[in-house]
Each structure stands twice: as C-alpha cells, then as structure tokens.
N, C-alpha and C. Protein backbone atom coordinates (compact mmCIF):
# COMPACT_ATOMS: atom_id res chain seq x y z
N MET A 1 151.44 87.38 88.21
CA MET A 1 150.21 87.51 88.95
C MET A 1 149.29 86.36 88.64
N MET A 2 148.69 85.83 89.69
CA MET A 2 147.71 84.76 89.52
C MET A 2 146.33 85.39 89.33
N THR A 3 145.58 84.85 88.39
CA THR A 3 144.22 85.30 88.21
C THR A 3 143.27 84.23 88.70
N GLU A 4 142.20 84.64 89.32
CA GLU A 4 141.22 83.70 89.86
C GLU A 4 140.37 83.17 88.72
N ILE A 5 140.28 81.86 88.62
CA ILE A 5 139.44 81.22 87.62
C ILE A 5 138.11 80.89 88.27
N ASN A 6 137.03 81.23 87.63
CA ASN A 6 135.71 80.92 88.18
C ASN A 6 135.45 79.44 88.05
N THR A 7 135.28 78.77 89.19
CA THR A 7 135.00 77.35 89.19
C THR A 7 133.54 77.12 89.50
N ARG A 8 132.99 76.04 89.02
CA ARG A 8 131.59 75.71 89.26
C ARG A 8 131.40 75.31 90.71
N THR A 9 130.36 75.82 91.33
CA THR A 9 129.98 75.40 92.68
C THR A 9 128.52 74.96 92.64
N VAL A 10 128.22 73.91 93.37
CA VAL A 10 126.85 73.42 93.48
C VAL A 10 126.55 73.08 94.93
N THR A 11 125.27 73.11 95.28
CA THR A 11 124.83 72.80 96.63
C THR A 11 123.98 71.55 96.58
N GLY A 12 124.23 70.63 97.52
CA GLY A 12 123.46 69.39 97.54
C GLY A 12 123.46 68.74 98.89
N LEU A 13 122.83 67.58 98.96
CA LEU A 13 122.64 66.84 100.19
C LEU A 13 123.58 65.64 100.21
N VAL A 14 124.27 65.44 101.34
CA VAL A 14 125.17 64.29 101.48
C VAL A 14 124.32 63.05 101.69
N ILE A 15 124.48 62.06 100.80
CA ILE A 15 123.69 60.83 100.93
C ILE A 15 124.54 59.66 101.40
N SER A 16 125.88 59.81 101.36
CA SER A 16 126.77 58.77 101.85
C SER A 16 128.10 59.38 102.27
N SER A 17 128.58 58.95 103.42
CA SER A 17 129.90 59.39 103.90
C SER A 17 130.66 58.22 104.48
N LYS A 18 130.45 57.02 103.94
CA LYS A 18 131.04 55.81 104.49
C LYS A 18 132.52 55.64 104.12
N ARG A 19 132.93 56.19 103.00
CA ARG A 19 134.31 56.02 102.58
C ARG A 19 135.21 57.07 103.21
N ASP A 20 136.48 56.77 103.32
CA ASP A 20 137.44 57.67 103.94
C ASP A 20 137.72 58.85 103.02
N LYS A 21 137.49 60.06 103.53
CA LYS A 21 137.75 61.32 102.82
C LYS A 21 136.94 61.49 101.53
N THR A 22 135.82 60.78 101.43
CA THR A 22 134.96 60.90 100.25
C THR A 22 133.50 60.95 100.68
N ILE A 23 132.75 61.86 100.06
CA ILE A 23 131.31 61.93 100.31
C ILE A 23 130.59 61.84 98.97
N THR A 24 129.36 61.34 99.01
CA THR A 24 128.51 61.32 97.83
C THR A 24 127.43 62.36 98.03
N VAL A 25 127.32 63.29 97.09
CA VAL A 25 126.39 64.42 97.20
C VAL A 25 125.35 64.31 96.10
N MET A 26 124.07 64.42 96.46
CA MET A 26 122.99 64.44 95.47
C MET A 26 122.62 65.89 95.20
N VAL A 27 122.72 66.29 93.94
CA VAL A 27 122.41 67.65 93.51
C VAL A 27 121.15 67.58 92.66
N GLU A 28 120.13 68.37 93.04
CA GLU A 28 118.89 68.41 92.27
C GLU A 28 118.75 69.73 91.55
N ARG A 29 118.18 69.67 90.33
CA ARG A 29 117.93 70.86 89.58
C ARG A 29 116.55 70.71 88.95
N LYS A 30 115.92 71.82 88.59
CA LYS A 30 114.60 71.80 87.97
C LYS A 30 114.73 72.24 86.54
N VAL A 31 114.14 71.46 85.63
CA VAL A 31 114.15 71.78 84.20
C VAL A 31 112.72 71.75 83.67
N LYS A 32 112.49 72.53 82.64
CA LYS A 32 111.18 72.56 82.02
C LYS A 32 111.18 71.63 80.81
N HIS A 33 110.16 70.79 80.70
CA HIS A 33 110.04 69.90 79.56
C HIS A 33 109.83 70.74 78.30
N PRO A 34 110.58 70.45 77.23
CA PRO A 34 110.51 71.32 76.04
C PRO A 34 109.15 71.36 75.35
N LEU A 35 108.42 70.25 75.39
CA LEU A 35 107.12 70.20 74.70
C LEU A 35 105.96 70.47 75.65
N TYR A 36 105.96 69.80 76.81
CA TYR A 36 104.80 69.86 77.70
C TYR A 36 104.91 70.96 78.76
N LYS A 37 106.04 71.60 78.86
CA LYS A 37 106.25 72.74 79.77
C LYS A 37 106.08 72.40 81.26
N LYS A 38 106.13 71.13 81.60
CA LYS A 38 106.02 70.74 83.01
C LYS A 38 107.41 70.86 83.64
N ILE A 39 107.47 71.29 84.90
CA ILE A 39 108.72 71.39 85.63
C ILE A 39 109.07 70.02 86.18
N LEU A 40 110.27 69.53 85.82
CA LEU A 40 110.73 68.21 86.25
C LEU A 40 111.94 68.38 87.14
N ARG A 41 112.10 67.44 88.09
CA ARG A 41 113.30 67.43 88.96
C ARG A 41 114.29 66.42 88.41
N ARG A 42 115.50 66.86 88.17
CA ARG A 42 116.57 65.99 87.72
C ARG A 42 117.64 65.99 88.81
N SER A 43 118.26 64.83 89.05
CA SER A 43 119.27 64.76 90.10
C SER A 43 120.53 64.10 89.59
N SER A 44 121.65 64.47 90.20
CA SER A 44 122.96 63.90 89.88
C SER A 44 123.63 63.52 91.19
N LYS A 45 124.34 62.39 91.18
CA LYS A 45 125.15 62.01 92.34
C LYS A 45 126.60 62.28 92.01
N LEU A 46 127.25 63.11 92.82
CA LEU A 46 128.64 63.50 92.60
C LEU A 46 129.49 63.01 93.77
N GLN A 47 130.70 62.57 93.48
CA GLN A 47 131.65 62.16 94.51
C GLN A 47 132.53 63.38 94.81
N ALA A 48 132.69 63.70 96.09
CA ALA A 48 133.47 64.88 96.47
C ALA A 48 134.50 64.50 97.53
N HIS A 49 135.59 65.26 97.54
CA HIS A 49 136.69 65.03 98.48
C HIS A 49 136.43 65.80 99.77
N ASP A 50 136.42 65.10 100.89
CA ASP A 50 136.21 65.69 102.22
C ASP A 50 137.48 65.40 103.03
N HIS A 51 138.42 66.31 103.00
CA HIS A 51 139.76 66.06 103.56
C HIS A 51 139.73 65.73 105.06
N ASP A 52 138.89 66.42 105.84
CA ASP A 52 138.87 66.24 107.29
C ASP A 52 137.78 65.30 107.79
N ASN A 53 137.05 64.67 106.89
CA ASN A 53 135.92 63.80 107.25
C ASN A 53 134.92 64.53 108.17
N THR A 54 134.55 65.76 107.81
CA THR A 54 133.66 66.55 108.65
C THR A 54 132.18 66.32 108.37
N CYS A 55 131.84 65.77 107.23
CA CYS A 55 130.44 65.63 106.83
C CYS A 55 129.86 64.29 107.26
N ASN A 56 128.56 64.33 107.52
CA ASN A 56 127.79 63.12 107.80
C ASN A 56 126.60 63.08 106.84
N GLU A 57 125.92 61.96 106.81
CA GLU A 57 124.74 61.84 105.95
C GLU A 57 123.67 62.83 106.40
N GLY A 58 123.04 63.49 105.42
CA GLY A 58 121.97 64.45 105.70
C GLY A 58 122.43 65.89 105.74
N ASP A 59 123.74 66.15 105.73
CA ASP A 59 124.23 67.53 105.75
C ASP A 59 124.01 68.21 104.40
N LEU A 60 123.77 69.51 104.45
CA LEU A 60 123.65 70.32 103.24
C LEU A 60 125.01 70.96 103.00
N VAL A 61 125.64 70.70 101.86
CA VAL A 61 127.00 71.14 101.62
C VAL A 61 127.11 71.86 100.26
N THR A 62 128.16 72.67 100.14
CA THR A 62 128.52 73.30 98.88
C THR A 62 129.84 72.71 98.44
N ILE A 63 129.90 72.24 97.19
CA ILE A 63 131.12 71.65 96.65
C ILE A 63 131.55 72.42 95.42
N LYS A 64 132.86 72.37 95.13
CA LYS A 64 133.37 73.06 93.94
C LYS A 64 134.14 72.07 93.08
N GLU A 65 134.19 72.39 91.80
CA GLU A 65 134.88 71.54 90.84
C GLU A 65 136.38 71.71 91.01
N CYS A 66 137.12 70.62 90.85
CA CYS A 66 138.58 70.66 90.95
C CYS A 66 139.16 69.67 89.96
N LYS A 67 140.47 69.54 89.98
CA LYS A 67 141.10 68.56 89.09
C LYS A 67 140.71 67.15 89.52
N PRO A 68 140.71 66.19 88.61
CA PRO A 68 140.32 64.83 88.99
C PRO A 68 141.28 64.25 90.04
N LEU A 69 140.69 63.75 91.13
CA LEU A 69 141.48 63.16 92.21
C LEU A 69 141.48 61.63 92.11
N SER A 70 140.49 61.08 91.42
CA SER A 70 140.43 59.65 91.16
C SER A 70 139.54 59.44 89.94
N LYS A 71 139.15 58.20 89.69
CA LYS A 71 138.34 57.90 88.51
C LYS A 71 137.00 58.63 88.54
N THR A 72 136.38 58.71 89.71
CA THR A 72 135.05 59.32 89.80
C THR A 72 135.01 60.63 90.59
N LYS A 73 136.10 60.99 91.26
CA LYS A 73 136.08 62.11 92.18
C LYS A 73 136.76 63.34 91.56
N SER A 74 135.96 64.35 91.19
CA SER A 74 136.53 65.59 90.65
C SER A 74 135.86 66.82 91.27
N TRP A 75 135.37 66.68 92.48
CA TRP A 75 134.78 67.78 93.25
C TRP A 75 135.40 67.76 94.64
N GLU A 76 135.44 68.92 95.30
CA GLU A 76 135.92 68.98 96.68
C GLU A 76 135.01 69.84 97.52
N LEU A 77 134.97 69.52 98.81
CA LEU A 77 134.08 70.20 99.74
C LEU A 77 134.54 71.64 99.94
N LEU A 78 133.62 72.57 99.77
CA LEU A 78 133.92 73.99 99.98
C LEU A 78 133.49 74.40 101.39
N LYS A 79 132.24 74.10 101.75
CA LYS A 79 131.75 74.42 103.11
C LYS A 79 130.53 73.58 103.43
N VAL A 80 130.28 73.43 104.70
CA VAL A 80 129.09 72.75 105.19
C VAL A 80 128.07 73.85 105.52
N ASP A 81 126.96 73.88 104.77
CA ASP A 81 125.97 74.93 104.97
C ASP A 81 125.10 74.66 106.17
N LYS A 82 124.66 73.43 106.35
CA LYS A 82 123.77 73.09 107.46
C LYS A 82 124.02 71.66 107.87
N LYS A 83 124.26 71.45 109.17
CA LYS A 83 124.46 70.14 109.72
C LYS A 83 123.12 69.45 109.94
N PHE A 84 123.08 68.14 109.78
CA PHE A 84 121.88 67.36 109.99
C PHE A 84 121.66 67.17 111.48
N GLU A 85 120.47 67.51 111.96
CA GLU A 85 120.13 67.33 113.36
C GLU A 85 119.21 66.14 113.50
N GLU A 86 119.70 65.11 114.15
CA GLU A 86 118.93 63.88 114.31
C GLU A 86 117.91 64.04 115.43
N ILE A 87 116.71 63.58 115.19
CA ILE A 87 115.65 63.66 116.21
C ILE A 87 115.80 62.45 117.13
N LYS A 88 115.91 62.72 118.43
CA LYS A 88 116.10 61.64 119.39
C LYS A 88 114.93 61.50 120.30
C-alpha cells in the first residue's frame, strides 16, 4: 500500500514564464521582527515546472515541492488559482 506523504504547497505570483516548461514564482510571507515587533514582508523566488506551459506572467498559482528536476527547479505547478486579466 502506498501512503500519501504530505508535501509543501505554497501560493505565489508568476513573475516570469519566458523559459520552456519553467515558471518563476514569487512567494511572499509576513514575519514579525524579534525585537521591534514590526511586521515585515519577506519574499522568495522559486523555479517551478509547468509541463503544459499554461501559465503567463501575473497569474496566481499554487506549487508543490517535488524531487529536483534541475539545479534550481524542485517545485511543480499544482493549479492555476487565478488568471491575469490584462486591461485593454
């Protein structure tokens, strides 16, 4: 029997989709400064695998952790939460 392993999932904004089958996702989190107690925004840029090239810049996506696919890519696209609507 296979048991489901809980994998990390994060939600972020696609900031680049220029490469084939790869997207760059910016994930922001809020942390409290240990001394001054101010809420700070910290961000990380993660490379994720987009097998069907479905994402464009500005999309809100959920990605999950997977085995390393290349030197920098160890996340894969789980779902597209919201597509970017360009104002024309």
